[in-house]
């Protein structure tokens, strides 16, 4: 069973993608890309200027997915998703 795309809205009103996970049987069918595109469109329709996320610096597959969908690396962050875990903060500018 796969996990769904979860977007949280912080006090700053910038949505943050928490998780995108697709069941392995449906990989390579571009569902991750579709989820990102639909999240971006919904964000744009609601007048929100960007989406932020954190991805482990060693997760090259996900980093590539986000970069191919116009997310940019903002900075490296330590301990945000677990002790000693290094992540990139990434952002997609929409408006």
Protein backbone atom coordinates (compact mmCIF):
# COMPACT_ATOMS: atom_id res chain seq x y z
CA UNK A 1 0.00 0.00 0.00
CA UNK A 2 1.47 3.37 -1.00
CA UNK A 3 1.51 6.62 0.91
CA UNK A 4 -0.16 9.73 -0.30
CA UNK A 5 1.08 13.21 -1.09
CA UNK A 6 0.75 15.34 2.05
CA UNK A 7 0.99 19.12 2.00
CA UNK A 8 1.12 21.06 5.27
CA UNK A 9 0.66 24.79 5.61
CA UNK A 10 2.83 26.53 8.17
CA UNK A 11 2.13 29.91 9.77
CA UNK A 12 3.91 31.53 6.83
CA UNK A 13 1.26 30.07 4.51
CA UNK A 14 3.87 28.24 2.43
CA UNK A 15 2.82 24.64 1.79
CA UNK A 16 5.42 22.02 2.55
CA UNK A 17 5.37 18.60 0.92
CA UNK A 18 5.85 16.07 3.69
CA UNK A 19 5.71 12.78 1.78
CA UNK A 20 5.31 11.54 -1.75
CA UNK A 21 5.47 7.80 -1.99
CA UNK A 22 4.08 5.51 -4.63
CA UNK A 23 3.54 1.77 -4.34
CA UNK A 24 6.44 -0.01 -6.05
CA UNK A 25 3.99 -1.68 -8.47
CA UNK A 26 3.15 1.74 -9.87
CA UNK A 27 6.66 3.19 -10.11
CA UNK A 28 7.75 4.47 -13.50
CA UNK A 29 4.21 5.45 -14.36
CA UNK A 30 4.94 9.10 -13.51
CA UNK A 31 2.51 9.34 -10.58
CA UNK A 32 5.04 11.27 -8.48
CA UNK A 33 5.36 13.85 -11.26
CA UNK A 34 1.57 14.06 -11.59
CA UNK A 35 1.18 14.57 -7.83
CA UNK A 36 3.77 17.35 -7.87
CA UNK A 37 2.15 19.07 -10.85
CA UNK A 38 -1.32 18.91 -9.29
CA UNK A 39 -0.01 20.16 -5.94
CA UNK A 40 1.67 23.09 -7.69
CA UNK A 41 -1.50 23.93 -9.62
CA UNK A 42 -3.65 23.80 -6.48
CA UNK A 43 -1.12 25.99 -4.70
CA UNK A 44 -1.17 28.50 -7.56
CA UNK A 45 -4.99 28.57 -7.60
CA UNK A 46 -4.93 29.41 -3.89
CA UNK A 47 -2.55 32.33 -4.43
CA UNK A 48 0.37 30.75 -2.60
CA UNK A 49 3.76 31.66 -4.03
CA UNK A 50 5.85 28.52 -3.40
CA UNK A 51 6.06 24.97 -2.08
CA UNK A 52 8.88 23.83 0.19
CA UNK A 53 10.17 20.38 1.02
CA UNK A 54 13.11 18.59 2.64
CA UNK A 55 14.84 15.66 0.99
CA UNK A 56 17.74 13.58 2.28
CA UNK A 57 20.98 14.65 0.57
CA UNK A 58 21.69 10.99 -0.29
CA UNK A 59 18.30 10.37 -1.93
CA UNK A 60 19.44 11.07 -5.49
CA UNK A 61 16.30 9.64 -7.10
CA UNK A 62 14.01 12.04 -5.24
CA UNK A 63 16.39 14.98 -5.67
CA UNK A 64 16.34 14.34 -9.42
CA UNK A 65 12.51 14.10 -9.38
CA UNK A 66 12.21 17.47 -7.65
CA UNK A 67 14.85 19.18 -9.78
CA UNK A 68 13.17 17.87 -12.95
CA UNK A 69 9.99 19.54 -11.68
CA UNK A 70 11.65 22.94 -11.17
CA UNK A 71 12.41 22.71 -7.45
CA UNK A 72 15.64 24.48 -6.47
CA UNK A 73 17.97 23.62 -3.60
CA UNK A 74 17.91 26.42 -1.02
CA UNK A 75 20.28 25.12 1.65
CA UNK A 76 21.43 22.05 3.57
CA UNK A 77 19.73 21.40 6.90
CA UNK A 78 20.80 18.98 9.63
CA UNK A 79 18.52 17.03 12.01
CA UNK A 80 15.21 18.23 10.51
CA UNK A 81 13.99 14.73 9.61
CA UNK A 82 15.96 12.80 12.21
CA UNK A 83 19.18 12.86 14.21
CA UNK A 84 22.27 13.45 12.06
CA UNK A 85 20.21 13.31 8.85
CA UNK A 86 21.32 15.88 6.28
CA UNK A 87 18.62 17.23 3.99
CA UNK A 88 18.28 19.79 1.27
CA UNK A 89 15.58 22.37 1.73
CA UNK A 90 14.06 22.73 -1.72
CA UNK A 91 11.51 25.18 -3.08
CA UNK A 92 9.28 25.51 -6.09
CA UNK A 93 8.41 29.15 -6.90
CA UNK A 94 4.93 29.29 -8.38
CA UNK A 95 3.81 32.91 -8.67
